[in-house]
Full PDB file with SEQRES, HELIX, SHEET, SSBOND, CRYST1, ORIGX, SCALE, CONECT and MASTER records, all heavy atoms in Angstrom:
SEQRES   1 A   30  SER ALA GLU GLY VAL PHE ARG HIS MET ILE ASP GLU ALA          
SEQRES   2 A   30  GLY LEU SER GLY VAL VAL GLN VAL ASP SER ALA ALA THR          
SEQRES   3 A   30  HIS THR PHE HIS                                              
HELIX    1 AA1 ALA A    2  GLU A   12  1                                  11    
CRYST1    1.000    1.000    1.000  90.00  90.00  90.00 P 1           1          
ORIGX1      1.000000  0.000000  0.000000        0.00000                         
ORIGX2      0.000000  1.000000  0.000000        0.00000                         
ORIGX3      0.000000  0.000000  1.000000        0.00000                         
SCALE1      1.000000  0.000000  0.000000        0.00000                         
SCALE2      0.000000  1.000000  0.000000        0.00000                         
SCALE3      0.000000  0.000000  1.000000        0.00000                         
ATOM      1  N   SER A   1      71.858 -39.782-147.620  1.00  0.00           N  
ATOM      2  CA  SER A   1      71.317 -39.771-148.978  1.00  0.00           C  
ATOM      3  C   SER A   1      70.470 -38.516-149.191  1.00  0.00           C  
ATOM      4  O   SER A   1      70.566 -37.853-150.231  1.00  0.00           O  
ATOM      5  CB  SER A   1      70.477 -41.026-149.239  1.00  0.00           C  
ATOM      6  OG  SER A   1      71.295 -42.181-149.198  1.00  0.00           O  
ATOM      7  N   ALA A   2      69.649 -38.175-148.206  1.00  0.00           N  
ATOM      8  CA  ALA A   2      68.846 -36.948-148.281  1.00  0.00           C  
ATOM      9  C   ALA A   2      69.750 -35.725-148.364  1.00  0.00           C  
ATOM     10  O   ALA A   2      69.502 -34.799-149.151  1.00  0.00           O  
ATOM     11  CB  ALA A   2      67.918 -36.845-147.073  1.00  0.00           C  
ATOM     12  N   GLU A   3      70.817 -35.729-147.569  1.00  0.00           N  
ATOM     13  CA  GLU A   3      71.773 -34.619-147.620  1.00  0.00           C  
ATOM     14  C   GLU A   3      72.360 -34.487-149.019  1.00  0.00           C  
ATOM     15  O   GLU A   3      72.432 -33.385-149.573  1.00  0.00           O  
ATOM     16  CB  GLU A   3      72.900 -34.845-146.601  1.00  0.00           C  
ATOM     17  CG  GLU A   3      73.978 -33.781-146.651  1.00  0.00           C  
ATOM     18  CD  GLU A   3      75.152 -34.050-145.735  1.00  0.00           C  
ATOM     19  OE1 GLU A   3      75.057 -34.902-144.825  1.00  0.00           O  
ATOM     20  OE2 GLU A   3      76.207 -33.391-145.930  1.00  0.00           O  
ATOM     21  N   GLY A   4      72.748 -35.596-149.629  1.00  0.00           N  
ATOM     22  CA  GLY A   4      73.329 -35.570-150.969  1.00  0.00           C  
ATOM     23  C   GLY A   4      72.352 -35.097-152.027  1.00  0.00           C  
ATOM     24  O   GLY A   4      72.691 -34.290-152.893  1.00  0.00           O  
ATOM     25  N   VAL A   5      71.125 -35.600-151.951  1.00  0.00           N  
ATOM     26  CA  VAL A   5      70.088 -35.184-152.903  1.00  0.00           C  
ATOM     27  C   VAL A   5      69.813 -33.692-152.755  1.00  0.00           C  
ATOM     28  O   VAL A   5      69.792 -32.945-153.745  1.00  0.00           O  
ATOM     29  CB  VAL A   5      68.782 -35.994-152.683  1.00  0.00           C  
ATOM     30  CG1 VAL A   5      67.616 -35.381-153.444  1.00  0.00           C  
ATOM     31  CG2 VAL A   5      68.976 -37.457-153.091  1.00  0.00           C  
ATOM     32  N   PHE A   6      69.617 -33.238-151.524  1.00  0.00           N  
ATOM     33  CA  PHE A   6      69.275 -31.831-151.302  1.00  0.00           C  
ATOM     34  C   PHE A   6      70.445 -30.914-151.640  1.00  0.00           C  
ATOM     35  O   PHE A   6      70.247 -29.844-152.220  1.00  0.00           O  
ATOM     36  CB  PHE A   6      68.797 -31.616-149.865  1.00  0.00           C  
ATOM     37  CG  PHE A   6      68.110 -30.298-149.670  1.00  0.00           C  
ATOM     38  CD1 PHE A   6      66.953 -29.995-150.370  1.00  0.00           C  
ATOM     39  CD2 PHE A   6      68.614 -29.367-148.794  1.00  0.00           C  
ATOM     40  CE1 PHE A   6      66.302 -28.780-150.201  1.00  0.00           C  
ATOM     41  CE2 PHE A   6      67.983 -28.141-148.607  1.00  0.00           C  
ATOM     42  CZ  PHE A   6      66.821 -27.854-149.309  1.00  0.00           C  
ATOM     43  N   ARG A   7      71.658 -31.316-151.309  1.00  0.00           N  
ATOM     44  CA  ARG A   7      72.843 -30.512-151.642  1.00  0.00           C  
ATOM     45  C   ARG A   7      72.925 -30.323-153.164  1.00  0.00           C  
ATOM     46  O   ARG A   7      73.193 -29.230-153.660  1.00  0.00           O  
ATOM     47  CB  ARG A   7      74.110 -31.179-151.110  1.00  0.00           C  
ATOM     48  CG  ARG A   7      75.371 -30.347-151.270  1.00  0.00           C  
ATOM     49  CD  ARG A   7      76.589 -31.040-150.669  1.00  0.00           C  
ATOM     50  NE  ARG A   7      76.416 -31.421-149.275  1.00  0.00           N  
ATOM     51  CZ  ARG A   7      76.523 -30.592-148.237  1.00  0.00           C  
ATOM     52  NH1 ARG A   7      76.786 -29.317-148.456  1.00  0.00           N  
ATOM     53  NH2 ARG A   7      76.378 -31.035-147.011  1.00  0.00           N  
ATOM     54  N   HIS A   8      72.673 -31.394-153.902  1.00  0.00           N  
ATOM     55  CA  HIS A   8      72.677 -31.326-155.367  1.00  0.00           C  
ATOM     56  C   HIS A   8      71.610 -30.330-155.861  1.00  0.00           C  
ATOM     57  O   HIS A   8      71.868 -29.511-156.746  1.00  0.00           O  
ATOM     58  CB  HIS A   8      72.429 -32.723-155.940  1.00  0.00           C  
ATOM     59  CG  HIS A   8      72.443 -32.793-157.424  1.00  0.00           C  
ATOM     60  ND1 HIS A   8      73.605 -32.856-158.159  1.00  0.00           N  
ATOM     61  CD2 HIS A   8      71.423 -32.784-158.323  1.00  0.00           C  
ATOM     62  CE1 HIS A   8      73.302 -32.895-159.438  1.00  0.00           C  
ATOM     63  NE2 HIS A   8      71.981 -32.862-159.561  1.00  0.00           N  
ATOM     64  N   MET A   9      70.432 -30.397-155.267  1.00  0.00           N  
ATOM     65  CA  MET A   9      69.333 -29.518-155.663  1.00  0.00           C  
ATOM     66  C   MET A   9      69.634 -28.050-155.363  1.00  0.00           C  
ATOM     67  O   MET A   9      69.345 -27.173-156.181  1.00  0.00           O  
ATOM     68  CB  MET A   9      68.034 -29.925-154.971  1.00  0.00           C  
ATOM     69  CG  MET A   9      67.443 -31.202-155.503  1.00  0.00           C  
ATOM     70  SD  MET A   9      65.910 -31.614-154.603  1.00  0.00           S  
ATOM     71  CE  MET A   9      65.395 -33.066-155.511  1.00  0.00           C  
ATOM     72  N   ILE A  10      70.211 -27.780-154.195  1.00  0.00           N  
ATOM     73  CA  ILE A  10      70.499 -26.375-153.877  1.00  0.00           C  
ATOM     74  C   ILE A  10      71.644 -25.841-154.727  1.00  0.00           C  
ATOM     75  O   ILE A  10      71.639 -24.665-155.095  1.00  0.00           O  
ATOM     76  CB  ILE A  10      70.743 -26.141-152.364  1.00  0.00           C  
ATOM     77  CG1 ILE A  10      71.930 -26.929-151.834  1.00  0.00           C  
ATOM     78  CG2 ILE A  10      69.494 -26.399-151.562  1.00  0.00           C  
ATOM     79  CD1 ILE A  10      72.293 -26.613-150.393  1.00  0.00           C  
ATOM     80  N   ASP A  11      72.593 -26.709-155.066  1.00  0.00           N  
ATOM     81  CA  ASP A  11      73.662 -26.287-155.982  1.00  0.00           C  
ATOM     82  C   ASP A  11      73.085 -25.935-157.346  1.00  0.00           C  
ATOM     83  O   ASP A  11      73.421 -24.887-157.916  1.00  0.00           O  
ATOM     84  CB  ASP A  11      74.722 -27.390-156.138  1.00  0.00           C  
ATOM     85  CG  ASP A  11      75.609 -27.542-154.912  1.00  0.00           C  
ATOM     86  OD1 ASP A  11      75.573 -26.662-154.019  1.00  0.00           O  
ATOM     87  OD2 ASP A  11      76.328 -28.559-154.832  1.00  0.00           O  
ATOM     88  N   GLU A  12      72.208 -26.804-157.866  1.00  0.00           N  
ATOM     89  CA  GLU A  12      71.592 -26.546-159.165  1.00  0.00           C  
ATOM     90  C   GLU A  12      70.709 -25.300-159.154  1.00  0.00           C  
ATOM     91  O   GLU A  12      70.587 -24.610-160.157  1.00  0.00           O  
ATOM     92  CB  GLU A  12      70.776 -27.751-159.630  1.00  0.00           C  
ATOM     93  CG  GLU A  12      71.623 -28.878-160.163  1.00  0.00           C  
ATOM     94  CD  GLU A  12      70.803 -29.936-160.876  1.00  0.00           C  
ATOM     95  OE1 GLU A  12      69.593 -30.073-160.605  1.00  0.00           O  
ATOM     96  OE2 GLU A  12      71.398 -30.642-161.717  1.00  0.00           O  
ATOM     97  N   ALA A  13      70.102 -25.007-158.018  1.00  0.00           N  
ATOM     98  CA  ALA A  13      69.231 -23.842-157.889  1.00  0.00           C  
ATOM     99  C   ALA A  13      70.016 -22.562-157.601  1.00  0.00           C  
ATOM    100  O   ALA A  13      69.426 -21.482-157.515  1.00  0.00           O  
ATOM    101  CB  ALA A  13      68.208 -24.085-156.778  1.00  0.00           C  
ATOM    102  N   GLY A  14      71.337 -22.677-157.453  1.00  0.00           N  
ATOM    103  CA  GLY A  14      72.160 -21.510-157.157  1.00  0.00           C  
ATOM    104  C   GLY A  14      71.987 -20.988-155.739  1.00  0.00           C  
ATOM    105  O   GLY A  14      72.202 -19.811-155.479  1.00  0.00           O  
ATOM    106  N   LEU A  15      71.617 -21.859-154.827  1.00  0.00           N  
ATOM    107  CA  LEU A  15      71.347 -21.446-153.447  1.00  0.00           C  
ATOM    108  C   LEU A  15      72.408 -21.906-152.446  1.00  0.00           C  
ATOM    109  O   LEU A  15      72.226 -21.734-151.248  1.00  0.00           O  
ATOM    110  CB  LEU A  15      69.976 -21.984-153.000  1.00  0.00           C  
ATOM    111  CG  LEU A  15      68.767 -21.464-153.777  1.00  0.00           C  
ATOM    112  CD1 LEU A  15      67.501 -22.202-153.342  1.00  0.00           C  
ATOM    113  CD2 LEU A  15      68.613 -19.963-153.588  1.00  0.00           C  
ATOM    114  N   SER A  16      73.495 -22.484-152.931  1.00  0.00           N  
ATOM    115  CA  SER A  16      74.480 -23.046-151.998  1.00  0.00           C  
ATOM    116  C   SER A  16      75.117 -21.989-151.095  1.00  0.00           C  
ATOM    117  O   SER A  16      75.611 -22.327-150.023  1.00  0.00           O  
ATOM    118  CB  SER A  16      75.540 -23.848-152.745  1.00  0.00           C  
ATOM    119  OG  SER A  16      76.149 -23.060-153.731  1.00  0.00           O  
ATOM    120  N   GLY A  17      75.068 -20.740-151.482  1.00  0.00           N  
ATOM    121  CA  GLY A  17      75.618 -19.684-150.639  1.00  0.00           C  
ATOM    122  C   GLY A  17      74.689 -19.250-149.521  1.00  0.00           C  
ATOM    123  O   GLY A  17      75.111 -18.566-148.591  1.00  0.00           O  
ATOM    124  N   VAL A  18      73.406 -19.636-149.612  1.00  0.00           N  
ATOM    125  CA  VAL A  18      72.431 -19.204-148.610  1.00  0.00           C  
ATOM    126  C   VAL A  18      71.696 -20.364-147.925  1.00  0.00           C  
ATOM    127  O   VAL A  18      70.862 -20.141-147.063  1.00  0.00           O  
ATOM    128  CB  VAL A  18      71.398 -18.222-149.215  1.00  0.00           C  
ATOM    129  CG1 VAL A  18      72.058 -16.897-149.579  1.00  0.00           C  
ATOM    130  CG2 VAL A  18      70.703 -18.823-150.414  1.00  0.00           C  
ATOM    131  N   VAL A  19      71.995 -21.594-148.335  1.00  0.00           N  
ATOM    132  CA  VAL A  19      71.378 -22.767-147.712  1.00  0.00           C  
ATOM    133  C   VAL A  19      72.474 -23.734-147.298  1.00  0.00           C  
ATOM    134  O   VAL A  19      73.336 -24.090-148.092  1.00  0.00           O  
ATOM    135  CB  VAL A  19      70.396 -23.481-148.681  1.00  0.00           C  
ATOM    136  CG1 VAL A  19      69.799 -24.712-148.012  1.00  0.00           C  
ATOM    137  CG2 VAL A  19      69.295 -22.534-149.143  1.00  0.00           C  
ATOM    138  N   GLN A  20      72.434 -24.147-146.047  1.00  0.00           N  
ATOM    139  CA  GLN A  20      73.393 -25.117-145.519  1.00  0.00           C  
ATOM    140  C   GLN A  20      72.645 -26.410-145.222  1.00  0.00           C  
ATOM    141  O   GLN A  20      71.519 -26.379-144.740  1.00  0.00           O  
ATOM    142  CB  GLN A  20      74.021 -24.568-144.240  1.00  0.00           C  
ATOM    143  CG  GLN A  20      75.039 -25.479-143.607  1.00  0.00           C  
ATOM    144  CD  GLN A  20      75.609 -24.878-142.337  1.00  0.00           C  
ATOM    145  OE1 GLN A  20      75.814 -23.679-142.241  1.00  0.00           O  
ATOM    146  NE2 GLN A  20      75.828 -25.723-141.342  1.00  0.00           N  
ATOM    147  N   VAL A  21      73.263 -27.528-145.533  1.00  0.00           N  
ATOM    148  CA  VAL A  21      72.618 -28.820-145.326  1.00  0.00           C  
ATOM    149  C   VAL A  21      73.580 -29.784-144.627  1.00  0.00           C  
ATOM    150  O   VAL A  21      74.783 -29.740-144.866  1.00  0.00           O  
ATOM    151  CB  VAL A  21      72.109 -29.411-146.674  1.00  0.00           C  
ATOM    152  CG1 VAL A  21      73.229 -29.602-147.650  1.00  0.00           C  
ATOM    153  CG2 VAL A  21      71.360 -30.710-146.480  1.00  0.00           C  
ATOM    154  N   ASP A  22      73.023 -30.616-143.745  1.00  0.00           N  
ATOM    155  CA  ASP A  22      73.813 -31.612-143.030  1.00  0.00           C  
ATOM    156  C   ASP A  22      72.879 -32.775-142.688  1.00  0.00           C  
ATOM    157  O   ASP A  22      71.676 -32.706-142.923  1.00  0.00           O  
ATOM    158  CB  ASP A  22      74.418 -31.002-141.760  1.00  0.00           C  
ATOM    159  CG  ASP A  22      75.574 -31.813-141.194  1.00  0.00           C  
ATOM    160  OD1 ASP A  22      75.983 -32.831-141.807  1.00  0.00           O  
ATOM    161  OD2 ASP A  22      76.075 -31.451-140.110  1.00  0.00           O  
ATOM    162  N   SER A  23      73.452 -33.812-142.125  1.00  0.00           N  
ATOM    163  CA  SER A  23      72.663 -34.963-141.680  1.00  0.00           C  
ATOM    164  C   SER A  23      73.244 -35.475-140.373  1.00  0.00           C  
ATOM    165  O   SER A  23      74.410 -35.227-140.059  1.00  0.00           O  
ATOM    166  CB  SER A  23      72.657 -36.057-142.745  1.00  0.00           C  
ATOM    167  OG  SER A  23      73.957 -36.525-143.012  1.00  0.00           O  
ATOM    168  N   ALA A  24      72.390 -36.183-139.621  1.00  0.00           N  
ATOM    169  CA  ALA A  24      72.817 -36.683-138.313  1.00  0.00           C  
ATOM    170  C   ALA A  24      71.957 -37.888-137.923  1.00  0.00           C  
ATOM    171  O   ALA A  24      70.966 -38.198-138.574  1.00  0.00           O  
ATOM    172  CB  ALA A  24      72.694 -35.584-137.259  1.00  0.00           C  
ATOM    173  N   ALA A  25      72.370 -38.528-136.827  1.00  0.00           N  
ATOM    174  CA  ALA A  25      71.703 -39.731-136.311  1.00  0.00           C  
ATOM    175  C   ALA A  25      71.064 -39.454-134.960  1.00  0.00           C  
ATOM    176  O   ALA A  25      71.551 -38.620-134.200  1.00  0.00           O  
ATOM    177  CB  ALA A  25      72.724 -40.857-136.159  1.00  0.00           C  
ATOM    178  N   THR A  26      70.009 -40.207-134.676  1.00  0.00           N  
ATOM    179  CA  THR A  26      69.437 -40.155-133.328  1.00  0.00           C  
ATOM    180  C   THR A  26      70.142 -41.142-132.401  1.00  0.00           C  
ATOM    181  O   THR A  26      70.070 -41.007-131.190  1.00  0.00           O  
ATOM    182  CB  THR A  26      67.922 -40.486-133.352  1.00  0.00           C  
ATOM    183  OG1 THR A  26      67.734 -41.743-134.003  1.00  0.00           O  
ATOM    184  CG2 THR A  26      67.141 -39.394-134.051  1.00  0.00           C  
ATOM    185  N   HIS A  27      70.818 -42.141-132.967  1.00  0.00           N  
ATOM    186  CA  HIS A  27      71.490 -43.172-132.184  1.00  0.00           C  
ATOM    187  C   HIS A  27      73.007 -43.169-132.467  1.00  0.00           C  
ATOM    188  O   HIS A  27      73.447 -42.547-133.417  1.00  0.00           O  
ATOM    189  CB  HIS A  27      70.901 -44.549-132.517  1.00  0.00           C  
ATOM    190  CG  HIS A  27      69.493 -44.694-132.066  1.00  0.00           C  
ATOM    191  ND1 HIS A  27      68.431 -44.019-132.665  1.00  0.00           N  
ATOM    192  CD2 HIS A  27      68.942 -45.434-131.069  1.00  0.00           C  
ATOM    193  CE1 HIS A  27      67.304 -44.343-132.048  1.00  0.00           C  
ATOM    194  NE2 HIS A  27      67.591 -45.200-131.082  1.00  0.00           N  
ATOM    195  N   THR A  28      73.742 -43.909-131.664  1.00  0.00           N  
ATOM    196  CA  THR A  28      75.213 -43.890-131.757  1.00  0.00           C  
ATOM    197  C   THR A  28      75.796 -45.099-132.488  1.00  0.00           C  
ATOM    198  O   THR A  28      76.999 -45.322-132.445  1.00  0.00           O  
ATOM    199  CB  THR A  28      75.819 -43.840-130.339  1.00  0.00           C  
ATOM    200  OG1 THR A  28      75.389 -44.988-129.607  1.00  0.00           O  
ATOM    201  CG2 THR A  28      75.429 -42.575-129.609  1.00  0.00           C  
ATOM    202  N   PHE A  29      74.984 -45.861-133.191  1.00  0.00           N  
ATOM    203  CA  PHE A  29      75.431 -47.119-133.790  1.00  0.00           C  
ATOM    204  C   PHE A  29      76.630 -46.994-134.731  1.00  0.00           C  
ATOM    205  O   PHE A  29      77.475 -47.866-134.774  1.00  0.00           O  
ATOM    206  CB  PHE A  29      74.298 -47.782-134.580  1.00  0.00           C  
ATOM    207  CG  PHE A  29      73.044 -48.024-133.798  1.00  0.00           C  
ATOM    208  CD1 PHE A  29      71.814 -47.694-134.343  1.00  0.00           C  
ATOM    209  CD2 PHE A  29      73.065 -48.569-132.522  1.00  0.00           C  
ATOM    210  CE1 PHE A  29      70.642 -47.926-133.641  1.00  0.00           C  
ATOM    211  CE2 PHE A  29      71.903 -48.799-131.818  1.00  0.00           C  
ATOM    212  CZ  PHE A  29      70.686 -48.471-132.377  1.00  0.00           C  
ATOM    213  N   HIS A  30      76.683 -45.947-135.541  1.00  0.00           N  
ATOM    214  CA  HIS A  30      77.675 -45.883-136.625  1.00  0.00           C  
ATOM    215  C   HIS A  30      78.509 -44.598-136.612  1.00  0.00           C  
ATOM    216  O   HIS A  30      79.021 -44.197-137.663  1.00  0.00           O  
ATOM    217  CB  HIS A  30      76.965 -46.004-137.975  1.00  0.00           C  
ATOM    218  CG  HIS A  30      76.188 -47.268-138.141  1.00  0.00           C  
ATOM    219  ND1 HIS A  30      76.799 -48.482-138.400  1.00  0.00           N  
ATOM    220  CD2 HIS A  30      74.859 -47.512-138.056  1.00  0.00           C  
ATOM    221  CE1 HIS A  30      75.866 -49.416-138.486  1.00  0.00           C  
ATOM    222  NE2 HIS A  30      74.684 -48.858-138.278  1.00  0.00           N  
TER     223      HIS A  30                                                      
MASTER        0    0    0    1    0    0    0    6  222    1    0    3          
END                                                                             
């Protein structure tokens, strides 16, 4: 969800070419 929110924000700010965003887990559950 944070990745989606932040990706939307960087796209709107015109920064998608210079900012990369991802998400990950500390555990292996899913």
